Amino acid sequence: MSDPPEDGHIEVHRQRCQACSSMELRDIIVREVGKPMAIYVRCAKCGELVAFYELQRYYHHGKGIESFLRAHGVGAADSGRAWLDDFKRVQKRALEGFERALERLRRENKDV
């Protein structure tokens, strides 16, 4: 996985409902064995579908390494050290990217 682009080459947006312009959105997460995790974004105000995403990899902040390993289908035969290193890289990248995105929104006077 590559690192996120430098700050000068990134766009940051807050997602809005196309029907009512609300930013009150809720994720509906669907996990099926052998398929990428599906995320349906629903407007909490009007109930419309806003977006759909499929995730091959994801990082759930605050859940720890066990959640990361389960989410990525790690088996007993896999290298624990390699997965721990991968987890730490993803955790660091997620926190740094999140902070950069928030800072960009603040600079552009977008609702954070």
Protein backbone atom coordinates (compact mmCIF):
# COMPACT_ATOMS: atom_id res chain seq x y z
CA MET A 1 0.00 0.00 0.00
CA SER A 2 1.30 3.43 -0.81
CA ASP A 3 1.32 6.38 1.53
CA PRO A 4 -1.31 9.10 1.08
CA PRO A 5 -0.37 11.96 -1.24
CA GLU A 6 1.39 15.02 0.13
CA ASP A 7 -0.92 17.67 1.62
CA GLY A 8 -0.72 19.89 -1.46
CA HIS A 9 -2.20 17.12 -3.64
CA ILE A 10 -5.18 16.02 -1.58
CA GLU A 11 -8.83 16.94 -1.70
CA VAL A 12 -10.90 16.66 1.46
CA HIS A 13 -14.65 16.83 1.48
CA ARG A 14 -17.46 16.21 3.95
CA GLN A 15 -20.02 13.91 2.43
CA ARG A 16 -23.58 15.25 2.13
CA CYS A 17 -26.88 13.69 1.19
CA GLN A 18 -27.65 14.43 -2.44
CA ALA A 19 -31.40 14.53 -1.66
CA CYS A 20 -31.55 16.88 1.35
CA SER A 21 -27.95 18.20 1.80
CA SER A 22 -27.73 16.86 5.36
CA MET A 23 -24.35 15.82 6.76
CA GLU A 24 -26.05 13.56 9.32
CA LEU A 25 -25.01 10.24 7.81
CA ARG A 26 -24.90 6.71 9.15
CA ASP A 27 -22.84 3.76 7.94
CA ILE A 28 -24.45 0.36 7.51
CA ILE A 29 -21.69 -2.26 7.51
CA VAL A 30 -22.21 -5.64 5.81
CA ARG A 31 -19.66 -8.45 6.17
CA GLU A 32 -19.94 -11.60 4.07
CA VAL A 33 -17.40 -14.43 4.07
CA GLY A 34 -15.16 -14.26 1.02
CA LYS A 35 -16.35 -10.80 -0.06
CA PRO A 36 -15.05 -7.29 0.59
CA MET A 37 -16.79 -5.50 3.44
CA ALA A 38 -19.65 -3.36 2.10
CA ILE A 39 -20.47 0.07 3.51
CA TYR A 40 -23.81 1.68 2.73
CA VAL A 41 -24.00 5.32 3.75
CA ARG A 42 -27.54 6.36 4.64
CA CYS A 43 -28.84 9.83 5.39
CA ALA A 44 -30.04 9.95 9.00
CA LYS A 45 -32.38 12.83 8.15
CA CYS A 46 -34.27 11.61 5.06
CA GLY A 47 -33.21 7.94 4.91
CA GLU A 48 -31.85 7.99 1.33
CA LEU A 49 -28.82 6.01 0.18
CA VAL A 50 -25.92 8.45 -0.11
CA ALA A 51 -23.03 6.19 -1.12
CA PHE A 52 -21.78 2.62 -1.33
CA TYR A 53 -18.18 1.48 -0.74
CA GLU A 54 -16.45 -1.90 -0.83
CA LEU A 55 -13.40 -2.22 1.39
CA GLN A 56 -10.69 -4.80 0.89
CA ARG A 57 -8.68 -3.47 3.82
CA TYR A 58 -9.65 -1.26 6.65
CA TYR A 59 -8.48 -0.10 10.03
CA HIS A 60 -10.92 0.29 12.91
CA HIS A 61 -9.30 2.74 15.32
CA GLY A 62 -9.46 1.77 18.97
CA LYS A 63 -10.28 -1.90 18.40
CA GLY A 64 -6.69 -3.12 18.56
CA ILE A 65 -4.69 -5.73 16.73
CA GLU A 66 -7.20 -8.55 17.32
CA SER A 67 -9.91 -6.74 15.38
CA PHE A 68 -7.43 -5.92 12.62
CA LEU A 69 -6.39 -9.57 12.32
CA ARG A 70 -9.99 -10.85 12.26
CA ALA A 71 -10.96 -8.26 9.65
CA HIS A 72 -8.11 -9.35 7.39
CA GLY A 73 -8.63 -13.10 7.73
CA VAL A 74 -5.34 -13.85 9.41
CA GLY A 75 -4.82 -17.52 10.21
CA ALA A 76 -2.63 -19.28 12.73
CA ALA A 77 -0.02 -20.07 10.08
CA ASP A 78 0.53 -16.39 9.23
CA SER A 79 3.49 -14.48 10.63
CA GLY A 80 2.51 -12.59 13.78
CA ARG A 81 5.45 -10.20 13.52
CA ALA A 82 4.60 -9.29 9.92
CA TRP A 83 0.95 -8.64 10.82
CA LEU A 84 1.90 -6.58 13.87
CA ASP A 85 4.21 -4.46 11.70
CA ASP A 86 1.44 -4.07 9.11
CA PHE A 87 -1.05 -3.10 11.83
CA LYS A 88 1.32 -0.45 13.20
CA ARG A 89 1.87 0.99 9.71
CA VAL A 90 -1.88 1.12 9.01
CA GLN A 91 -2.59 2.62 12.44
CA LYS A 92 0.02 5.33 11.95
CA ARG A 93 -1.13 6.09 8.39
CA ALA A 94 -4.78 6.27 9.51
CA LEU A 95 -4.06 8.71 12.34
CA GLU A 96 -1.80 10.90 10.20
CA GLY A 97 -4.23 10.93 7.28
CA PHE A 98 -7.15 11.73 9.57
CA GLU A 99 -5.31 14.67 11.12
CA ARG A 100 -4.27 15.98 7.67
CA ALA A 101 -7.86 15.71 6.44
CA LEU A 102 -9.20 17.60 9.48
CA GLU A 103 -6.55 20.29 9.10
CA ARG A 104 -7.39 20.69 5.42
CA LEU A 105 -11.09 21.04 6.25
CA ARG A 106 -10.27 23.66 8.88
CA ARG A 107 -8.08 25.62 6.43
CA GLU A 108 -10.84 25.60 3.85
CA ASN A 109 -13.40 26.64 6.49
CA LYS A 110 -15.44 23.50 5.92
CA ASP A 111 -17.56 22.10 8.71
CA VAL A 112 -15.41 19.72 10.76
